[in-house]
N, C-alpha and C. Protein backbone atom coordinates (compact mmCIF):
# COMPACT_ATOMS: atom_id res chain seq x y z
N LYS A 1 1.01 -1.10 0.03
CA LYS A 1 -0.20 -0.45 -0.10
C LYS A 1 1.06 1.08 0.06
N TYR A 2 2.38 1.74 1.33
CA TYR A 2 1.97 2.55 1.27
C TYR A 2 3.71 2.44 -0.71
N LEU A 3 4.31 1.20 -0.79
CA LEU A 3 4.74 0.91 -1.71
C LEU A 3 4.43 1.89 -2.92
N LEU A 4 2.97 1.64 -2.93
CA LEU A 4 2.74 1.75 -4.36
C LEU A 4 2.29 3.55 -4.02
N LEU A 5 2.07 3.85 -3.44
CA LEU A 5 1.35 5.30 -3.52
C LEU A 5 2.88 6.33 -2.79
N LEU A 6 4.17 5.51 -2.86
CA LEU A 6 5.62 6.67 -2.76
C LEU A 6 5.57 5.94 -4.28
N SER A 7 5.80 4.49 -4.48
CA SER A 7 6.14 4.81 -6.31
C SER A 7 5.73 6.01 -7.60
N HIS A 8 4.35 6.02 -7.21
CA HIS A 8 3.04 7.60 -7.28
C HIS A 8 3.31 9.01 -7.33
N GLN A 9 4.15 9.17 -5.75
CA GLN A 9 4.63 10.58 -6.14
C GLN A 9 6.05 10.49 -6.80
N TRP A 10 6.69 9.12 -6.49
CA TRP A 10 7.86 9.28 -7.55
C TRP A 10 7.59 9.44 -9.15
N LEU A 11 6.92 9.13 -9.31
CA LEU A 11 7.00 9.53 -10.85
C LEU A 11 5.34 10.74 -11.69
N ASP A 12 5.31 10.91 -9.93
CA ASP A 12 4.52 12.60 -10.11
C ASP A 12 5.70 13.51 -9.96
N TYR A 13 6.58 13.69 -9.36
CA TYR A 13 8.14 15.16 -9.36
C TYR A 13 8.80 13.63 -10.47
N ALA A 14 8.72 12.88 -11.01
CA ALA A 14 9.63 12.97 -13.14
C ALA A 14 9.23 13.86 -13.42
N VAL A 15 7.43 13.79 -13.40
CA VAL A 15 7.47 13.66 -14.98
C VAL A 15 6.24 15.69 -14.53
N ALA A 16 7.52 16.49 -13.54
CA ALA A 16 7.10 17.18 -13.40
C ALA A 16 8.03 18.14 -14.12
N PRO A 17 7.15 19.88 -14.81
CA PRO A 17 8.71 20.50 -15.23
C PRO A 17 9.78 20.95 -14.80
N ALA A 18 10.02 21.14 -13.58
CA ALA A 18 10.89 21.79 -12.85
C ALA A 18 12.38 20.69 -13.03
N PRO A 19 13.41 20.86 -12.94
CA PRO A 19 14.58 20.03 -12.92
C PRO A 19 14.38 19.22 -11.42
N PHE A 20 14.84 18.17 -11.94
CA PHE A 20 15.72 17.51 -10.33
C PHE A 20 16.17 17.94 -9.63
N GLU A 21 15.57 17.85 -8.54
CA GLU A 21 16.56 17.81 -7.31
C GLU A 21 17.23 16.64 -6.22
N TRP A 22 17.88 16.18 -5.87
CA TRP A 22 17.79 15.09 -5.05
C TRP A 22 17.01 15.69 -3.81
N SER A 23 17.55 16.98 -3.26
CA SER A 23 16.86 17.14 -1.58
C SER A 23 15.89 16.88 -2.18
N THR A 24 15.51 17.72 -2.59
CA THR A 24 13.53 18.40 -2.85
C THR A 24 12.69 16.71 -3.25
N PHE A 25 13.28 15.95 -4.09
CA PHE A 25 12.76 14.31 -3.88
C PHE A 25 13.07 13.53 -2.95
N ALA A 26 13.49 12.95 -2.26
CA ALA A 26 13.76 13.19 -0.80
C ALA A 26 13.15 14.17 0.38
N LEU A 27 13.24 14.66 0.50
CA LEU A 27 11.58 15.18 1.10
C LEU A 27 10.65 14.87 1.08
N CYS A 28 10.01 15.11 -0.41
CA CYS A 28 9.11 14.97 -1.22
C CYS A 28 8.18 13.91 -0.30
N ILE A 29 9.46 12.56 -1.23
CA ILE A 29 8.60 11.63 -1.12
C ILE A 29 8.89 11.05 0.67
N PHE A 30 9.90 11.58 1.31
CA PHE A 30 9.50 11.28 3.07
C PHE A 30 8.35 11.76 3.48
N GLY A 31 7.52 12.83 3.64
CA GLY A 31 6.44 13.72 3.20
C GLY A 31 5.63 13.07 3.12
N THR A 32 5.45 12.41 1.98
CA THR A 32 4.40 11.50 1.93
C THR A 32 4.42 10.81 2.55
N GLY A 33 5.52 9.60 2.41
CA GLY A 33 4.69 8.73 3.52
C GLY A 33 4.61 9.20 5.42
N LEU A 34 5.11 9.96 5.67
CA LEU A 34 4.60 10.53 6.74
C LEU A 34 3.56 10.69 6.94
N LEU A 35 2.66 11.94 5.48
CA LEU A 35 1.43 11.78 6.22
C LEU A 35 0.55 10.26 5.95
N SER A 36 1.54 9.76 5.05
CA SER A 36 -0.08 8.31 4.68
C SER A 36 0.17 7.46 6.05
N ALA A 37 1.58 8.25 6.75
CA ALA A 37 1.42 6.99 8.09
C ALA A 37 0.78 7.82 9.24
N ALA A 38 0.17 9.00 9.35
CA ALA A 38 -0.57 10.01 9.60
C ALA A 38 -2.01 9.49 9.21
N ALA A 39 -2.53 9.81 8.78
CA ALA A 39 -3.34 9.08 8.27
C ALA A 39 -3.87 7.90 8.60
N ASN A 40 -3.16 7.38 8.49
CA ASN A 40 -3.49 5.53 9.14
C ASN A 40 -3.71 5.17 9.95
N SER A 41 -2.67 5.79 11.03
CA SER A 41 -3.44 6.03 12.68
C SER A 41 -4.39 6.75 12.62
N ILE A 42 -4.14 7.33 12.07
CA ILE A 42 -5.98 8.60 12.60
C ILE A 42 -7.10 7.41 11.76
N ASN A 43 -7.16 7.19 11.35
CA ASN A 43 -8.68 5.89 10.19
C ASN A 43 -8.13 5.38 11.37
N GLN A 44 -7.31 4.29 12.62
CA GLN A 44 -7.22 3.13 13.31
C GLN A 44 -7.58 3.61 14.46
N PHE A 45 -7.49 4.41 15.03
CA PHE A 45 -8.67 5.71 15.71
C PHE A 45 -9.43 5.09 16.01
N HIS A 46 -10.29 6.21 14.78
CA HIS A 46 -11.41 6.19 14.90
C HIS A 46 -12.08 4.95 14.40
N GLU A 47 -11.51 3.32 13.70
CA GLU A 47 -12.22 2.56 13.43
C GLU A 47 -12.47 1.70 14.87
N VAL A 48 -11.97 2.19 15.98
CA VAL A 48 -11.58 1.20 17.11
C VAL A 48 -13.48 0.56 17.54
N PRO A 49 -14.48 1.80 17.53
CA PRO A 49 -15.54 0.77 18.25
C PRO A 49 -16.41 0.16 17.04
N PHE A 50 -16.73 0.16 15.30
CA PHE A 50 -16.09 -0.80 15.55
C PHE A 50 -15.59 -1.70 14.86
N ASP A 51 -13.69 -1.95 15.09
CA ASP A 51 -13.28 -3.60 15.67
C ASP A 51 -13.70 -3.64 16.91
N ALA A 52 -14.55 -3.14 17.76
CA ALA A 52 -14.50 -4.11 19.13
C ALA A 52 -15.95 -4.52 18.84
N GLN A 53 -16.45 -4.98 18.04
CA GLN A 53 -18.49 -5.69 17.40
C GLN A 53 -17.72 -6.34 17.05
N MET A 54 -15.95 -6.77 15.90
CA MET A 54 -16.66 -7.44 15.24
C MET A 54 -15.27 -9.04 15.53
N SER A 55 -16.08 -9.83 15.73
CA SER A 55 -14.96 -10.95 16.14
C SER A 55 -13.43 -11.18 15.33
N ARG A 56 -13.96 -11.26 14.83
CA ARG A 56 -12.13 -10.79 13.30
C ARG A 56 -11.33 -9.61 14.39
N THR A 57 -11.72 -8.86 15.11
CA THR A 57 -10.52 -7.23 15.76
C THR A 57 -10.85 -7.30 16.40
N LYS A 58 -12.15 -7.91 16.84
CA LYS A 58 -11.61 -7.58 18.76
C LYS A 58 -10.97 -8.15 19.45
N HIS A 59 -10.28 -8.22 19.11
CA HIS A 59 -8.56 -7.91 20.23
C HIS A 59 -7.23 -7.37 19.61
N ARG A 60 -7.55 -6.55 18.38
CA ARG A 60 -6.67 -5.64 18.23
C ARG A 60 -6.09 -5.48 19.52
N VAL A 61 -5.12 -4.09 19.55
CA VAL A 61 -4.64 -3.72 20.68
C VAL A 61 -5.04 -2.68 21.32
N LEU A 62 -5.66 -2.29 20.15
CA LEU A 62 -5.72 -0.51 20.43
C LEU A 62 -7.56 -1.04 21.06
N VAL A 63 -7.69 -1.48 20.15
CA VAL A 63 -10.23 -2.07 20.95
C VAL A 63 -9.68 -2.89 22.56
N CYS A 64 -8.45 -3.49 22.27
CA CYS A 64 -8.75 -4.04 23.89
C CYS A 64 -7.82 -2.78 24.88
N GLY A 65 -7.25 -1.77 24.59
CA GLY A 65 -6.59 -1.39 25.57
C GLY A 65 -5.18 -0.81 26.63
N ARG A 66 -4.43 -1.58 25.39
CA ARG A 66 -3.68 -2.29 25.28
C ARG A 66 -2.16 -1.47 24.94
N LEU A 67 -2.25 -0.47 24.13
CA LEU A 67 -1.81 0.60 23.79
C LEU A 67 -3.31 2.29 23.51
N THR A 68 -2.68 2.65 24.01
CA THR A 68 -3.49 3.87 24.87
C THR A 68 -2.57 5.50 24.37
C-alpha cells in the first residue's frame, strides 16, 4: 500500500516540469510517507468502535486498551 503510494509520488515528481533535485525529491517522498502514516493512524483510532463489534478484530491492541 505504501509502496504503491510512494512509487506514484516518485512518478509525479519525475514528470514535473521543474529540474530534478535529489534533496527536494527525498523530502517529497519522506513527507508523503509521513502523511500516509499519519492518515493510517487516525483511521485506526476512528475504527476502534467498529473493530470492537467484529469477532475478527475485537482482540486488536487499540480495542483491548493495550495501547493508549
